[in-house]
Amino acid sequence: MIADNDFSEQALESLRLRAEMDRSEALTSLKILLDHPAGIGDHSTNDLHNNLNESLSKLSDADDRLETLSKYFYNA
């Protein structure tokens, strides 16, 4: 049986890891799109800009989530 405190710690760790994974995915996408334009294949300029904006939004969201966890739960 998991104690309430153990569950809370596990839940917070899961949230932190997910945010870090989302940040890593977004940074990877941005790097590919910016540094390796051949990787975008037959996408139009509009598709490229949409993909860049989506990756930037995902990065910003992940950073916000990590900051919020730190501020309210990790007292860092």
N, C-alpha and C. Protein backbone atom coordinates (compact mmCIF):
# COMPACT_ATOMS: atom_id res chain seq x y z
N MET A 1 0.84 -1.18 0.00
CA MET A 1 0.00 0.00 0.00
C MET A 1 0.89 1.25 0.00
N ILE A 2 0.53 2.23 -0.79
CA ILE A 2 1.30 3.47 -0.90
C ILE A 2 0.75 4.49 0.09
N ALA A 3 1.63 5.03 0.91
CA ALA A 3 1.21 6.08 1.85
C ALA A 3 0.88 7.34 1.07
N ASP A 4 0.03 8.20 1.65
CA ASP A 4 -0.37 9.44 0.99
C ASP A 4 0.83 10.27 0.59
N ASN A 5 1.82 10.39 1.48
CA ASN A 5 3.00 11.19 1.19
C ASN A 5 3.78 10.59 0.03
N ASP A 6 3.90 9.25 0.00
CA ASP A 6 4.59 8.58 -1.10
C ASP A 6 3.87 8.83 -2.42
N PHE A 7 2.54 8.77 -2.39
CA PHE A 7 1.77 9.03 -3.60
C PHE A 7 2.00 10.46 -4.08
N SER A 8 1.98 11.41 -3.16
CA SER A 8 2.20 12.81 -3.53
C SER A 8 3.56 13.00 -4.18
N GLU A 9 4.57 12.39 -3.59
CA GLU A 9 5.92 12.50 -4.15
C GLU A 9 5.99 11.87 -5.53
N GLN A 10 5.38 10.72 -5.69
CA GLN A 10 5.38 10.05 -6.98
C GLN A 10 4.62 10.85 -8.03
N ALA A 11 3.49 11.42 -7.63
CA ALA A 11 2.69 12.22 -8.55
C ALA A 11 3.46 13.46 -8.99
N LEU A 12 4.12 14.13 -8.05
CA LEU A 12 4.91 15.32 -8.40
C LEU A 12 6.08 14.96 -9.29
N GLU A 13 6.72 13.85 -9.00
CA GLU A 13 7.84 13.40 -9.84
C GLU A 13 7.36 13.08 -11.25
N SER A 14 6.21 12.48 -11.36
CA SER A 14 5.64 12.17 -12.67
C SER A 14 5.36 13.45 -13.46
N LEU A 15 4.80 14.45 -12.78
CA LEU A 15 4.53 15.73 -13.43
C LEU A 15 5.82 16.40 -13.90
N ARG A 16 6.84 16.36 -13.04
CA ARG A 16 8.13 16.97 -13.38
C ARG A 16 8.77 16.27 -14.58
N LEU A 17 8.77 14.95 -14.55
CA LEU A 17 9.38 14.19 -15.64
C LEU A 17 8.65 14.43 -16.96
N ARG A 18 7.33 14.51 -16.91
CA ARG A 18 6.56 14.75 -18.13
C ARG A 18 6.88 16.14 -18.71
N ALA A 19 6.98 17.13 -17.84
CA ALA A 19 7.32 18.48 -18.30
C ALA A 19 8.73 18.52 -18.89
N GLU A 20 9.66 17.80 -18.26
CA GLU A 20 11.02 17.76 -18.79
C GLU A 20 11.06 17.05 -20.15
N MET A 21 10.26 15.99 -20.29
CA MET A 21 10.19 15.28 -21.56
C MET A 21 9.60 16.19 -22.65
N ASP A 22 8.54 16.90 -22.32
CA ASP A 22 7.93 17.82 -23.28
C ASP A 22 8.92 18.91 -23.69
N ARG A 23 9.69 19.42 -22.72
CA ARG A 23 10.69 20.44 -23.03
C ARG A 23 11.76 19.87 -23.97
N SER A 24 12.21 18.68 -23.69
CA SER A 24 13.22 18.04 -24.53
C SER A 24 12.71 17.82 -25.95
N GLU A 25 11.48 17.35 -26.07
CA GLU A 25 10.88 17.13 -27.39
C GLU A 25 10.76 18.44 -28.16
N ALA A 26 10.35 19.49 -27.49
CA ALA A 26 10.19 20.78 -28.15
C ALA A 26 11.53 21.33 -28.61
N LEU A 27 12.55 21.24 -27.75
CA LEU A 27 13.88 21.71 -28.13
C LEU A 27 14.45 20.93 -29.31
N THR A 28 14.21 19.62 -29.31
CA THR A 28 14.66 18.79 -30.41
C THR A 28 13.97 19.19 -31.71
N SER A 29 12.66 19.39 -31.64
CA SER A 29 11.92 19.80 -32.83
C SER A 29 12.40 21.14 -33.36
N LEU A 30 12.60 22.10 -32.46
CA LEU A 30 13.09 23.41 -32.89
C LEU A 30 14.47 23.30 -33.53
N LYS A 31 15.34 22.51 -32.94
CA LYS A 31 16.69 22.34 -33.49
C LYS A 31 16.63 21.73 -34.88
N ILE A 32 15.82 20.70 -35.04
CA ILE A 32 15.69 20.06 -36.36
C ILE A 32 15.15 21.06 -37.38
N LEU A 33 14.08 21.74 -37.02
CA LEU A 33 13.45 22.68 -37.95
C LEU A 33 14.36 23.85 -38.31
N LEU A 34 15.15 24.32 -37.35
CA LEU A 34 16.01 25.48 -37.59
C LEU A 34 17.36 25.12 -38.21
N ASP A 35 17.92 23.99 -37.78
CA ASP A 35 19.27 23.64 -38.21
C ASP A 35 19.33 22.68 -39.39
N HIS A 36 18.25 21.97 -39.64
CA HIS A 36 18.24 20.97 -40.71
C HIS A 36 17.00 21.14 -41.58
N PRO A 37 16.96 22.20 -42.37
CA PRO A 37 15.76 22.46 -43.16
C PRO A 37 15.39 21.33 -44.12
N ALA A 38 16.34 20.49 -44.47
CA ALA A 38 16.02 19.35 -45.34
C ALA A 38 15.08 18.38 -44.62
N GLY A 39 15.08 18.43 -43.28
CA GLY A 39 14.23 17.55 -42.50
C GLY A 39 12.75 17.87 -42.59
N ILE A 40 12.42 19.03 -43.17
CA ILE A 40 11.01 19.38 -43.26
C ILE A 40 10.37 18.85 -44.53
N GLY A 41 11.18 18.30 -45.43
CA GLY A 41 10.65 17.66 -46.62
C GLY A 41 9.85 18.59 -47.51
N ASP A 42 8.64 18.19 -47.85
CA ASP A 42 7.80 18.93 -48.78
C ASP A 42 6.88 19.93 -48.09
N HIS A 43 7.15 20.25 -46.86
CA HIS A 43 6.29 21.19 -46.16
C HIS A 43 6.40 22.58 -46.77
N SER A 44 5.30 23.28 -46.74
CA SER A 44 5.30 24.66 -47.21
C SER A 44 5.88 25.56 -46.14
N THR A 45 6.14 26.81 -46.50
CA THR A 45 6.63 27.78 -45.54
C THR A 45 5.62 27.94 -44.41
N ASN A 46 4.35 27.93 -44.74
CA ASN A 46 3.31 28.04 -43.72
C ASN A 46 3.37 26.87 -42.74
N ASP A 47 3.58 25.67 -43.26
CA ASP A 47 3.71 24.49 -42.39
C ASP A 47 4.91 24.65 -41.47
N LEU A 48 6.01 25.13 -42.02
CA LEU A 48 7.22 25.33 -41.22
C LEU A 48 6.95 26.30 -40.07
N HIS A 49 6.34 27.43 -40.37
CA HIS A 49 6.04 28.41 -39.33
C HIS A 49 5.07 27.86 -38.29
N ASN A 50 4.09 27.10 -38.73
CA ASN A 50 3.16 26.48 -37.79
C ASN A 50 3.88 25.49 -36.88
N ASN A 51 4.78 24.69 -37.45
CA ASN A 51 5.54 23.73 -36.66
C ASN A 51 6.47 24.43 -35.67
N LEU A 52 7.09 25.52 -36.11
CA LEU A 52 7.95 26.29 -35.22
C LEU A 52 7.15 26.86 -34.06
N ASN A 53 5.99 27.43 -34.37
CA ASN A 53 5.14 28.01 -33.32
C ASN A 53 4.62 26.94 -32.35
N GLU A 54 4.25 25.79 -32.87
CA GLU A 54 3.79 24.70 -32.01
C GLU A 54 4.90 24.25 -31.07
N SER A 55 6.11 24.12 -31.60
CA SER A 55 7.24 23.70 -30.76
C SER A 55 7.57 24.74 -29.71
N LEU A 56 7.52 26.00 -30.09
CA LEU A 56 7.79 27.07 -29.14
C LEU A 56 6.73 27.10 -28.04
N SER A 57 5.48 26.91 -28.41
CA SER A 57 4.41 26.86 -27.41
C SER A 57 4.59 25.69 -26.46
N LYS A 58 4.97 24.54 -27.00
CA LYS A 58 5.20 23.36 -26.16
C LYS A 58 6.37 23.61 -25.21
N LEU A 59 7.42 24.25 -25.70
CA LEU A 59 8.57 24.57 -24.86
C LEU A 59 8.18 25.53 -23.75
N SER A 60 7.46 26.58 -24.10
CA SER A 60 7.03 27.57 -23.12
C SER A 60 6.12 26.94 -22.06
N ASP A 61 5.21 26.11 -22.49
CA ASP A 61 4.30 25.43 -21.58
C ASP A 61 5.07 24.54 -20.61
N ALA A 62 6.02 23.77 -21.13
CA ALA A 62 6.82 22.89 -20.28
C ALA A 62 7.62 23.69 -19.26
N ASP A 63 8.26 24.77 -19.71
CA ASP A 63 9.01 25.62 -18.79
C ASP A 63 8.10 26.22 -17.72
N ASP A 64 6.91 26.65 -18.10
CA ASP A 64 5.95 27.19 -17.13
C ASP A 64 5.55 26.13 -16.10
N ARG A 65 5.32 24.92 -16.57
CA ARG A 65 4.94 23.85 -15.65
C ARG A 65 6.06 23.53 -14.67
N LEU A 66 7.31 23.48 -15.17
CA LEU A 66 8.44 23.22 -14.29
C LEU A 66 8.62 24.34 -13.27
N GLU A 67 8.46 25.57 -13.71
CA GLU A 67 8.57 26.71 -12.81
C GLU A 67 7.48 26.67 -11.74
N THR A 68 6.27 26.33 -12.13
CA THR A 68 5.16 26.25 -11.19
C THR A 68 5.40 25.14 -10.17
N LEU A 69 5.85 23.98 -10.63
CA LEU A 69 6.16 22.90 -9.69
C LEU A 69 7.23 23.33 -8.69
N SER A 70 8.25 23.97 -9.20
CA SER A 70 9.33 24.44 -8.34
C SER A 70 8.84 25.46 -7.32
N LYS A 71 8.04 26.39 -7.79
CA LYS A 71 7.55 27.47 -6.93
C LYS A 71 6.64 26.98 -5.82
N TYR A 72 5.73 26.09 -6.15
CA TYR A 72 4.70 25.70 -5.20
C TYR A 72 4.96 24.38 -4.46
N PHE A 73 5.82 23.53 -5.01
CA PHE A 73 5.98 22.21 -4.41
C PHE A 73 7.40 21.87 -4.00
N TYR A 74 8.39 22.48 -4.64
CA TYR A 74 9.76 22.12 -4.32
C TYR A 74 10.48 23.25 -3.58
N ASN A 75 9.83 24.40 -3.45
CA ASN A 75 10.39 25.55 -2.74
C ASN A 75 11.82 25.86 -3.15
N ALA A 76 12.06 25.80 -4.43
CA ALA A 76 13.41 26.07 -4.93
C ALA A 76 13.60 27.53 -5.23
